[in-house]
C-alpha cells in the first residue's frame, strides 16, 4: 500500500472518530437525567478481570460508564491525529494496523444509543445494529493489533488491502453470528450477547499471541525496541479491557492511563525503528 493510500485511511479514521465524538457530545446533552432510573434496569454487572477484582468495592455508576465511553472516543480521535502527524512520511507496515486498533474504539459511542432510546423512540433494530457495530469494532481492533505483531515477526504480505479485507470478513462473520438480546444490558451499557466464554477465549488467545509475537520479533530482528512495543501492547490491551467493561469511576483513570501509555510506547518505538528506512 502506498503512503498516499495509507494516509487517506488515516484521514477516514479521523472523520469516523470525529463523528462518534459528535454523537458523544449530543448524548451528553440529552441523557444525564435518565441514568439514575436506568440503573434499576441493569440485568447484571459487566465482566472482566478488573471487575472481578474490584466489583465488590465499587458500586455501579452509569455516569462513569458514559464518561468512560467519551474518553475512549476522544482517545481514538487524538491518537489517529498524532499517528498521522508523526507517520505521514514514514513507511511502516505495522502502523496501519495500530491505527485500526485506535480507530476501532470510536464505535464505542454506539453504546450511548441505549440511554438515548429512553429519551427518544429508537426502534430495537437500531439498537441491535449499534450493538453489532460495537462488537465489530472491538474484534476488528483486536485482530488488527494481532496482525501488526505478525508483520513485526516478518510477515511479508505486500497487498495490505487483502489482509485488511480478510480481517474484516472474519470479524463480520463473527459479529453477525452472535445472538444479542436488545431488551437486557449489563452495567457498562453493553447489551447481553451469547457465546461469552468462547469470545473470552478468543480475546485471551489474541492477547497472548500478540504480545508473544512482538517479543519474538525483538529476538529475530535483534531490536530491543520490539520489547518496548510488546510491553506497550500489554498495557494498551489491559487498558482497553478495563475501559470496555468499566462501570465505576475508579476504573477510568487506570484504564485510560494504561491505554495511553501503551499506545505511546508502540507508536514511538515503531517510529524510531522506521524513521531512517
C-alpha atoms as a PDB file:
ATOM      1  CA  UNK A   1       0.000   0.000   0.000  1.00  0.00           C
ATOM      2  CA  UNK A   2       1.367   3.427  -0.934  1.00  0.00           C
ATOM      3  CA  UNK A   3       1.882   6.160   1.638  1.00  0.00           C
ATOM      4  CA  UNK A   4      -0.807   8.245  -0.054  1.00  0.00           C
ATOM      5  CA  UNK A   5      -3.417   5.471   0.183  1.00  0.00           C
ATOM      6  CA  UNK A   6      -2.477   4.703   3.778  1.00  0.00           C
ATOM      7  CA  UNK A   7      -2.673   8.383   4.751  1.00  0.00           C
ATOM      8  CA  UNK A   8      -6.146   8.560   3.216  1.00  0.00           C
ATOM      9  CA  UNK A   9      -7.152   5.743   5.549  1.00  0.00           C
ATOM     10  CA  UNK A  10      -5.764   7.781   8.441  1.00  0.00           C
ATOM     11  CA  UNK A  11      -7.955  10.703   7.356  1.00  0.00           C
ATOM     12  CA  UNK A  12     -11.019   8.464   7.160  1.00  0.00           C
ATOM     13  CA  UNK A  13     -10.245   7.273  10.681  1.00  0.00           C
ATOM     14  CA  UNK A  14     -10.159  10.872  11.877  1.00  0.00           C
ATOM     15  CA  UNK A  15     -13.532  11.563  10.267  1.00  0.00           C
ATOM     16  CA  UNK A  16     -15.065   8.428  11.809  1.00  0.00           C
ATOM     17  CA  UNK A  17     -13.799   9.211  15.297  1.00  0.00           C
ATOM     18  CA  UNK A  18     -14.870  12.859  14.978  1.00  0.00           C
ATOM     19  CA  UNK A  19     -18.417  11.824  14.032  1.00  0.00           C
ATOM     20  CA  UNK A  20     -18.502   9.476  17.016  1.00  0.00           C
ATOM     21  CA  UNK A  21     -17.266  12.341  19.179  1.00  0.00           C
ATOM     22  CA  UNK A  22     -20.191  14.447  17.961  1.00  0.00           C
ATOM     23  CA  UNK A  23     -22.564  11.621  18.941  1.00  0.00           C
ATOM     24  CA  UNK A  24     -20.993  11.609  22.417  1.00  0.00           C
ATOM     25  CA  UNK A  25     -21.467  15.369  22.692  1.00  0.00           C
ATOM     26  CA  UNK A  26     -25.117  15.129  21.640  1.00  0.00           C
ATOM     27  CA  UNK A  27     -25.766  12.271  24.066  1.00  0.00           C
ATOM     28  CA  UNK A  28     -24.055  14.171  26.890  1.00  0.00           C
ATOM     29  CA  UNK A  29     -26.588  16.970  26.470  1.00  0.00           C
ATOM     30  CA  UNK A  30     -29.599  14.637  26.454  1.00  0.00           C
ATOM     31  CA  UNK A  31     -29.162  11.577  28.643  1.00  0.00           C
ATOM     32  CA  UNK A  32     -27.777  12.641  32.019  1.00  0.00           C
ATOM     33  CA  UNK A  33     -31.203  12.627  33.647  1.00  0.00           C
ATOM     34  CA  UNK A  34     -32.038   9.057  32.576  1.00  0.00           C
ATOM     35  CA  UNK A  35     -29.080   7.315  34.192  1.00  0.00           C
ATOM     36  CA  UNK A  36     -30.488   7.154  37.719  1.00  0.00           C
ATOM     37  CA  UNK A  37     -33.685   5.272  36.739  1.00  0.00           C
ATOM     38  CA  UNK A  38     -31.770   3.260  34.138  1.00  0.00           C
ATOM     39  CA  UNK A  39     -29.538   1.796  36.849  1.00  0.00           C
ATOM     40  CA  UNK A  40     -32.591  -0.019  38.203  1.00  0.00           C
ATOM     41  CA  UNK A  41     -32.958  -1.928  34.920  1.00  0.00           C
ATOM     42  CA  UNK A  42     -29.434  -3.351  34.755  1.00  0.00           C
ATOM     43  CA  UNK A  43     -29.584  -7.129  34.217  1.00  0.00           C
ATOM     44  CA  UNK A  44     -26.123  -7.892  35.599  1.00  0.00           C
ATOM     45  CA  UNK A  45     -22.736  -6.363  36.259  1.00  0.00           C
ATOM     46  CA  UNK A  46     -20.224  -6.373  33.455  1.00  0.00           C
ATOM     47  CA  UNK A  47     -17.419  -8.928  33.391  1.00  0.00           C
ATOM     48  CA  UNK A  48     -13.679  -8.617  33.049  1.00  0.00           C
ATOM     49  CA  UNK A  49     -10.625  -9.049  35.246  1.00  0.00           C
ATOM     50  CA  UNK A  50     -10.809  -5.564  36.777  1.00  0.00           C
ATOM     51  CA  UNK A  51     -14.477  -6.075  37.603  1.00  0.00           C
ATOM     52  CA  UNK A  52     -13.735  -9.383  39.305  1.00  0.00           C
ATOM     53  CA  UNK A  53     -11.051  -7.756  41.450  1.00  0.00           C
ATOM     54  CA  UNK A  54     -12.901  -4.547  42.329  1.00  0.00           C
ATOM     55  CA  UNK A  55     -16.592  -5.200  41.667  1.00  0.00           C
ATOM     56  CA  UNK A  56     -17.414  -5.646  45.344  1.00  0.00           C
ATOM     57  CA  UNK A  57     -15.557  -2.464  46.312  1.00  0.00           C
ATOM     58  CA  UNK A  58     -17.276  -0.011  43.951  1.00  0.00           C
ATOM     59  CA  UNK A  59     -20.926   0.446  43.102  1.00  0.00           C
ATOM     60  CA  UNK A  60     -22.223   0.745  39.566  1.00  0.00           C
ATOM     61  CA  UNK A  61     -22.375   4.295  38.247  1.00  0.00           C
ATOM     62  CA  UNK A  62     -23.678   4.842  34.720  1.00  0.00           C
ATOM     63  CA  UNK A  63     -22.295   8.375  34.658  1.00  0.00           C
ATOM     64  CA  UNK A  64     -18.840   6.815  34.973  1.00  0.00           C
ATOM     65  CA  UNK A  65     -19.694   4.490  32.086  1.00  0.00           C
ATOM     66  CA  UNK A  66     -20.790   7.467  29.997  1.00  0.00           C
ATOM     67  CA  UNK A  67     -17.571   9.414  30.542  1.00  0.00           C
ATOM     68  CA  UNK A  68     -15.524   6.274  30.034  1.00  0.00           C
ATOM     69  CA  UNK A  69     -17.098   5.958  26.572  1.00  0.00           C
ATOM     70  CA  UNK A  70     -16.351   9.618  25.856  1.00  0.00           C
ATOM     71  CA  UNK A  71     -12.756   9.012  26.962  1.00  0.00           C
ATOM     72  CA  UNK A  72     -12.386   6.075  24.565  1.00  0.00           C
ATOM     73  CA  UNK A  73     -13.721   8.072  21.611  1.00  0.00           C
ATOM     74  CA  UNK A  74     -11.523  11.062  22.456  1.00  0.00           C
ATOM     75  CA  UNK A  75      -8.522   8.734  22.761  1.00  0.00           C
ATOM     76  CA  UNK A  76      -9.313   7.329  19.320  1.00  0.00           C
ATOM     77  CA  UNK A  77      -9.597  10.778  17.717  1.00  0.00           C
ATOM     78  CA  UNK A  78      -6.406  12.187  19.240  1.00  0.00           C
ATOM     79  CA  UNK A  79      -4.389   9.007  18.659  1.00  0.00           C
ATOM     80  CA  UNK A  80      -5.156   8.946  14.937  1.00  0.00           C
ATOM     81  CA  UNK A  81      -4.262  12.636  14.599  1.00  0.00           C
ATOM     82  CA  UNK A  82      -0.903  12.072  16.301  1.00  0.00           C
ATOM     83  CA  UNK A  83      -0.185   8.918  14.279  1.00  0.00           C
ATOM     84  CA  UNK A  84      -0.937  10.825  11.076  1.00  0.00           C
ATOM     85  CA  UNK A  85       1.343  13.693  12.143  1.00  0.00           C
ATOM     86  CA  UNK A  86       4.329  11.503  13.031  1.00  0.00           C
ATOM     87  CA  UNK A  87       3.948   8.810  10.360  1.00  0.00           C
ATOM     88  CA  UNK A  88       2.712  10.874   7.403  1.00  0.00           C
ATOM     89  CA  UNK A  89       6.032  10.373   5.577  1.00  0.00           C
ATOM     90  CA  UNK A  90       7.236   7.261   7.399  1.00  0.00           C
ATOM     91  CA  UNK A  91       6.543   3.829   5.942  1.00  0.00           C
ATOM     92  CA  UNK A  92       5.741   1.139   8.499  1.00  0.00           C
ATOM     93  CA  UNK A  93       3.598  -1.933   7.759  1.00  0.00           C
ATOM     94  CA  UNK A  94       2.608  -2.227  11.418  1.00  0.00           C
ATOM     95  CA  UNK A  95       1.338   1.325  11.928  1.00  0.00           C
ATOM     96  CA  UNK A  96      -1.693   0.874   9.653  1.00  0.00           C
ATOM     97  CA  UNK A  97      -2.982  -1.887  11.909  1.00  0.00           C
ATOM     98  CA  UNK A  98      -2.127   0.045  15.066  1.00  0.00           C
ATOM     99  CA  UNK A  99      -4.258   2.848  13.620  1.00  0.00           C
ATOM    100  CA  UNK A 100      -7.105   0.395  13.067  1.00  0.00           C
ATOM    101  CA  UNK A 101      -6.744  -0.606  16.725  1.00  0.00           C
ATOM    102  CA  UNK A 102      -7.106   3.034  17.802  1.00  0.00           C
ATOM    103  CA  UNK A 103      -9.964   3.727  15.376  1.00  0.00           C
ATOM    104  CA  UNK A 104     -11.845   0.611  16.495  1.00  0.00           C
ATOM    105  CA  UNK A 105     -12.617   2.235  19.844  1.00  0.00           C
ATOM    106  CA  UNK A 106     -14.538   5.137  18.283  1.00  0.00           C
ATOM    107  CA  UNK A 107     -17.677   2.986  17.650  1.00  0.00           C
ATOM    108  CA  UNK A 108     -17.981   2.542  21.420  1.00  0.00           C
ATOM    109  CA  UNK A 109     -20.085   5.701  21.098  1.00  0.00           C
ATOM    110  CA  UNK A 110     -22.843   3.404  19.774  1.00  0.00           C
ATOM    111  CA  UNK A 111     -23.385   2.213  23.346  1.00  0.00           C
ATOM    112  CA  UNK A 112     -24.917   5.616  24.075  1.00  0.00           C
ATOM    113  CA  UNK A 113     -27.891   4.775  21.860  1.00  0.00           C
ATOM    114  CA  UNK A 114     -29.186   2.727  24.787  1.00  0.00           C
ATOM    115  CA  UNK A 115     -29.743   5.714  27.125  1.00  0.00           C
ATOM    116  CA  UNK A 116     -30.817   7.788  24.120  1.00  0.00           C
ATOM    117  CA  UNK A 117     -33.551   5.214  23.480  1.00  0.00           C
ATOM    118  CA  UNK A 118     -35.050   6.262  26.818  1.00  0.00           C
ATOM    119  CA  UNK A 119     -35.221   9.851  25.597  1.00  0.00           C
ATOM    120  CA  UNK A 120     -36.337   9.200  22.032  1.00  0.00           C
ATOM    121  CA  UNK A 121     -38.291   6.378  20.415  1.00  0.00           C
ATOM    122  CA  UNK A 122     -35.460   4.378  18.858  1.00  0.00           C
ATOM    123  CA  UNK A 123     -36.511   1.055  17.260  1.00  0.00           C
ATOM    124  CA  UNK A 124     -34.897  -2.065  18.687  1.00  0.00           C
ATOM    125  CA  UNK A 125     -33.470  -2.846  15.241  1.00  0.00           C
ATOM    126  CA  UNK A 126     -31.260   0.241  15.516  1.00  0.00           C
ATOM    127  CA  UNK A 127     -30.111  -0.844  18.984  1.00  0.00           C
ATOM    128  CA  UNK A 128     -29.268  -4.286  17.612  1.00  0.00           C
ATOM    129  CA  UNK A 129     -27.326  -2.736  14.730  1.00  0.00           C
ATOM    130  CA  UNK A 130     -25.468  -0.431  17.126  1.00  0.00           C
ATOM    131  CA  UNK A 131     -24.508  -3.389  19.302  1.00  0.00           C
ATOM    132  CA  UNK A 132     -23.184  -5.319  16.292  1.00  0.00           C
ATOM    133  CA  UNK A 133     -21.203  -2.267  15.127  1.00  0.00           C
ATOM    134  CA  UNK A 134     -19.634  -2.038  18.579  1.00  0.00           C
ATOM    135  CA  UNK A 135     -18.740  -5.727  18.564  1.00  0.00           C
ATOM    136  CA  UNK A 136     -17.308  -5.435  15.050  1.00  0.00           C
ATOM    137  CA  UNK A 137     -15.082  -2.557  16.158  1.00  0.00           C
ATOM    138  CA  UNK A 138     -13.818  -4.469  19.174  1.00  0.00           C
ATOM    139  CA  UNK A 139     -12.803  -7.614  17.344  1.00  0.00           C
ATOM    140  CA  UNK A 140     -11.535  -5.782  14.272  1.00  0.00           C
ATOM    141  CA  UNK A 141      -9.280  -3.730  16.538  1.00  0.00           C
ATOM    142  CA  UNK A 142      -8.082  -6.794  18.429  1.00  0.00           C
ATOM    143  CA  UNK A 143      -7.298  -8.722  15.245  1.00  0.00           C
ATOM    144  CA  UNK A 144      -5.605  -5.644  13.771  1.00  0.00           C
ATOM    145  CA  UNK A 145      -3.125  -5.363  16.628  1.00  0.00           C
ATOM    146  CA  UNK A 146      -2.516  -9.101  16.313  1.00  0.00           C
ATOM    147  CA  UNK A 147      -1.791  -8.571  12.598  1.00  0.00           C
ATOM    148  CA  UNK A 148       0.655  -5.779  13.437  1.00  0.00           C
ATOM    149  CA  UNK A 149       2.577  -8.229  15.616  1.00  0.00           C
ATOM    150  CA  UNK A 150       2.684 -10.766  12.766  1.00  0.00           C
ATOM    151  CA  UNK A 151       4.148  -8.130  10.447  1.00  0.00           C
ATOM    152  CA  UNK A 152       6.744  -7.370  13.124  1.00  0.00           C
ATOM    153  CA  UNK A 153       7.849 -11.016  13.150  1.00  0.00           C
ATOM    154  CA  UNK A 154       8.441 -10.898   9.400  1.00  0.00           C
ATOM    155  CA  UNK A 155       5.152 -11.461   7.603  1.00  0.00           C
ATOM    156  CA  UNK A 156       5.815 -10.210   4.053  1.00  0.00           C
ATOM    157  CA  UNK A 157       2.359  -9.825   2.509  1.00  0.00           C
ATOM    158  CA  UNK A 158       2.619  -6.910   0.081  1.00  0.00           C
ATOM    159  CA  UNK A 159      -1.100  -6.472  -0.579  1.00  0.00           C
ATOM    160  CA  UNK A 160      -2.208  -4.957   2.709  1.00  0.00           C
ATOM    161  CA  UNK A 161      -5.670  -4.354   1.263  1.00  0.00           C
ATOM    162  CA  UNK A 162      -6.165  -8.110   1.032  1.00  0.00           C
ATOM    163  CA  UNK A 163      -5.035  -8.585   4.631  1.00  0.00           C
ATOM    164  CA  UNK A 164      -7.438  -5.871   5.803  1.00  0.00           C
ATOM    165  CA  UNK A 165     -10.247  -7.472   3.796  1.00  0.00           C
ATOM    166  CA  UNK A 166      -9.587 -10.886   5.374  1.00  0.00           C
ATOM    167  CA  UNK A 167      -9.666  -9.389   8.880  1.00  0.00           C
ATOM    168  CA  UNK A 168     -12.880  -7.509   8.082  1.00  0.00           C
ATOM    169  CA  UNK A 169     -14.625 -10.600   6.662  1.00  0.00           C
ATOM    170  CA  UNK A 170     -13.638 -12.798   9.624  1.00  0.00           C
ATOM    171  CA  UNK A 171     -14.811 -10.128  12.059  1.00  0.00           C
ATOM    172  CA  UNK A 172     -18.063  -9.640  10.168  1.00  0.00           C
ATOM    173  CA  UNK A 173     -18.821 -13.367  10.242  1.00  0.00           C
ATOM    174  CA  UNK A 174     -18.228 -13.440  13.993  1.00  0.00           C
ATOM    175  CA  UNK A 175     -20.270 -10.295  14.616  1.00  0.00           C
ATOM    176  CA  UNK A 176     -23.293 -11.366  12.581  1.00  0.00           C
ATOM    177  CA  UNK A 177     -23.348 -14.812  14.203  1.00  0.00           C
ATOM    178  CA  UNK A 178     -23.606 -13.585  17.788  1.00  0.00           C
ATOM    179  CA  UNK A 179     -27.111 -13.664  19.343  1.00  0.00           C
ATOM    180  CA  UNK A 180     -27.875 -10.339  21.061  1.00  0.00           C
ATOM    181  CA  UNK A 181     -30.733  -9.532  23.429  1.00  0.00           C
ATOM    182  CA  UNK A 182     -31.690  -5.865  22.932  1.00  0.00           C
ATOM    183  CA  UNK A 183     -34.005  -5.997  25.940  1.00  0.00           C
ATOM    184  CA  UNK A 184     -31.293  -6.553  28.552  1.00  0.00           C
ATOM    185  CA  UNK A 185     -27.924  -4.946  29.210  1.00  0.00           C
ATOM    186  CA  UNK A 186     -25.148  -5.032  31.745  1.00  0.00           C
ATOM    187  CA  UNK A 187     -23.710  -2.293  33.949  1.00  0.00           C
ATOM    188  CA  UNK A 188     -21.378  -0.971  31.223  1.00  0.00           C
ATOM    189  CA  UNK A 189     -24.237  -0.394  28.741  1.00  0.00           C
ATOM    190  CA  UNK A 190     -23.326  -3.485  26.734  1.00  0.00           C
ATOM    191  CA  UNK A 191     -26.313  -5.473  25.529  1.00  0.00           C
ATOM    192  CA  UNK A 192     -26.260  -9.099  26.630  1.00  0.00           C
ATOM    193  CA  UNK A 193     -24.828 -11.343  23.913  1.00  0.00           C
ATOM    194  CA  UNK A 194     -24.262 -15.075  23.591  1.00  0.00           C
ATOM    195  CA  UNK A 195     -21.131 -17.247  23.388  1.00  0.00           C
ATOM    196  CA  UNK A 196     -19.440 -15.222  26.137  1.00  0.00           C
ATOM    197  CA  UNK A 197     -16.998 -17.964  27.167  1.00  0.00           C
ATOM    198  CA  UNK A 198     -15.923 -18.620  23.583  1.00  0.00           C
ATOM    199  CA  UNK A 199     -15.198 -14.952  22.953  1.00  0.00           C
ATOM    200  CA  UNK A 200     -13.246 -14.679  26.195  1.00  0.00           C
ATOM    201  CA  UNK A 201     -11.018 -17.471  24.899  1.00  0.00           C
ATOM    202  CA  UNK A 202     -10.583 -15.675  21.570  1.00  0.00           C
ATOM    203  CA  UNK A 203      -9.613 -12.460  23.364  1.00  0.00           C
ATOM    204  CA  UNK A 204      -7.134 -14.196  25.661  1.00  0.00           C
ATOM    205  CA  UNK A 205      -5.630 -16.126  22.737  1.00  0.00           C
ATOM    206  CA  UNK A 206      -5.254 -12.977  20.617  1.00  0.00           C
ATOM    207  CA  UNK A 207      -3.760 -11.102  23.577  1.00  0.00           C
ATOM    208  CA  UNK A 208      -1.134 -13.749  24.321  1.00  0.00           C
ATOM    209  CA  UNK A 209      -0.245 -14.319  20.664  1.00  0.00           C
ATOM    210  CA  UNK A 210       0.113 -10.574  20.003  1.00  0.00           C
ATOM    211  CA  UNK A 211       2.417  -9.986  22.946  1.00  0.00           C
ATOM    212  CA  UNK A 212       4.472 -13.110  22.281  1.00  0.00           C
ATOM    213  CA  UNK A 213       4.893 -12.185  18.598  1.00  0.00           C
ATOM    214  CA  UNK A 214       6.343  -8.776  19.446  1.00  0.00           C
ATOM    215  CA  UNK A 215       8.848 -10.363  21.834  1.00  0.00           C
ATOM    216  CA  UNK A 216       9.771 -12.941  19.184  1.00  0.00           C
ATOM    217  CA  UNK A 217      10.306 -10.045  16.760  1.00  0.00           C
ATOM    218  CA  UNK A 218      12.722  -8.478  19.249  1.00  0.00           C
ATOM    219  CA  UNK A 219      14.771 -11.693  19.220  1.00  0.00           C
ATOM    220  CA  UNK A 220      14.591 -12.376  15.461  1.00  0.00           C
ATOM    221  CA  UNK A 221      15.390  -8.804  14.462  1.00  0.00           C
ATOM    222  CA  UNK A 222      17.826  -8.177  17.318  1.00  0.00           C
ATOM    223  CA  UNK A 223      15.976  -4.998  18.219  1.00  0.00           C
ATOM    224  CA  UNK A 224      15.133  -4.150  21.812  1.00  0.00           C
ATOM    225  CA  UNK A 225      12.611  -1.610  20.521  1.00  0.00           C
ATOM    226  CA  UNK A 226      10.201  -4.502  19.947  1.00  0.00           C
ATOM    227  CA  UNK A 227      10.487  -5.391  23.640  1.00  0.00           C
ATOM    228  CA  UNK A 228       9.054  -1.958  24.424  1.00  0.00           C
ATOM    229  CA  UNK A 229       6.416  -2.410  21.714  1.00  0.00           C
ATOM    230  CA  UNK A 230       5.438  -5.768  23.232  1.00  0.00           C
ATOM    231  CA  UNK A 231       5.242  -4.141  26.669  1.00  0.00           C
ATOM    232  CA  UNK A 232       3.164  -1.342  25.185  1.00  0.00           C
ATOM    233  CA  UNK A 233       0.755  -3.849  23.664  1.00  0.00           C
ATOM    234  CA  UNK A 234       0.282  -5.438  27.096  1.00  0.00           C
ATOM    235  CA  UNK A 235      -0.541  -2.058  28.645  1.00  0.00           C
ATOM    236  CA  UNK A 236      -2.780  -0.946  25.775  1.00  0.00           C
ATOM    237  CA  UNK A 237      -4.791  -4.173  25.731  1.00  0.00           C
ATOM    238  CA  UNK A 238      -5.176  -4.179  29.520  1.00  0.00           C
ATOM    239  CA  UNK A 239      -6.322  -0.545  29.491  1.00  0.00           C
ATOM    240  CA  UNK A 240      -8.745  -1.297  26.662  1.00  0.00           C
ATOM    241  CA  UNK A 241     -10.115  -4.308  28.542  1.00  0.00           C
ATOM    242  CA  UNK A 242     -10.698  -2.238  31.680  1.00  0.00           C
ATOM    243  CA  UNK A 243     -12.485   0.575  29.850  1.00  0.00           C
ATOM    244  CA  UNK A 244     -14.715  -1.690  27.761  1.00  0.00           C
ATOM    245  CA  UNK A 245     -16.106  -3.245  30.951  1.00  0.00           C
ATOM    246  CA  UNK A 246     -15.804  -0.329  33.396  1.00  0.00           C
ATOM    247  CA  UNK A 247     -18.878   0.568  35.435  1.00  0.00           C
ATOM    248  CA  UNK A 248     -17.327   2.660  38.233  1.00  0.00           C
ATOM    249  CA  UNK A 249     -15.265   5.835  38.471  1.00  0.00           C
ATOM    250  CA  UNK A 250     -12.209   4.011  39.827  1.00  0.00           C
ATOM    251  CA  UNK A 251     -11.669   2.159  36.550  1.00  0.00           C
ATOM    252  CA  UNK A 252     -11.439   5.237  34.344  1.00  0.00           C
ATOM    253  CA  UNK A 253      -8.033   6.698  35.336  1.00  0.00           C
ATOM    254  CA  UNK A 254      -6.414   3.257  35.443  1.00  0.00           C
ATOM    255  CA  UNK A 255      -7.795   2.216  32.058  1.00  0.00           C
ATOM    256  CA  UNK A 256      -7.064   5.485  30.266  1.00  0.00           C
ATOM    257  CA  UNK A 257      -3.540   5.676  31.690  1.00  0.00           C
ATOM    258  CA  UNK A 258      -2.652   2.125  30.631  1.00  0.00           C
ATOM    259  CA  UNK A 259      -4.204   2.571  27.176  1.00  0.00           C
ATOM    260  CA  UNK A 260      -2.440   5.902  26.571  1.00  0.00           C
ATOM    261  CA  UNK A 261       0.985   4.796  27.799  1.00  0.00           C
ATOM    262  CA  UNK A 262       0.734   1.531  25.872  1.00  0.00           C
ATOM    263  CA  UNK A 263      -0.174   3.258  22.610  1.00  0.00           C
ATOM    264  CA  UNK A 264       2.572   5.838  23.142  1.00  0.00           C
ATOM    265  CA  UNK A 265       5.173   3.088  23.606  1.00  0.00           C
ATOM    266  CA  UNK A 266       4.026   1.216  20.497  1.00  0.00           C
ATOM    267  CA  UNK A 267       3.992   4.288  18.253  1.00  0.00           C
ATOM    268  CA  UNK A 268       7.187   5.975  19.445  1.00  0.00           C
ATOM    269  CA  UNK A 269       9.228   2.786  19.149  1.00  0.00           C
ATOM    270  CA  UNK A 270       7.810   1.950  15.712  1.00  0.00           C
ATOM    271  CA  UNK A 271       8.656   5.489  14.612  1.00  0.00           C
ATOM    272  CA  UNK A 272      12.216   5.063  15.868  1.00  0.00           C
ATOM    273  CA  UNK A 273      12.617   1.748  14.019  1.00  0.00           C
ATOM    274  CA  UNK A 274      11.351   3.007  10.660  1.00  0.00           C
ATOM    275  CA  UNK A 275      12.377   6.664  10.760  1.00  0.00           C
ATOM    276  CA  UNK A 276      15.550   6.217   8.743  1.00  0.00           C
ATOM    277  CA  UNK A 277      14.409   3.414   6.442  1.00  0.00           C
END
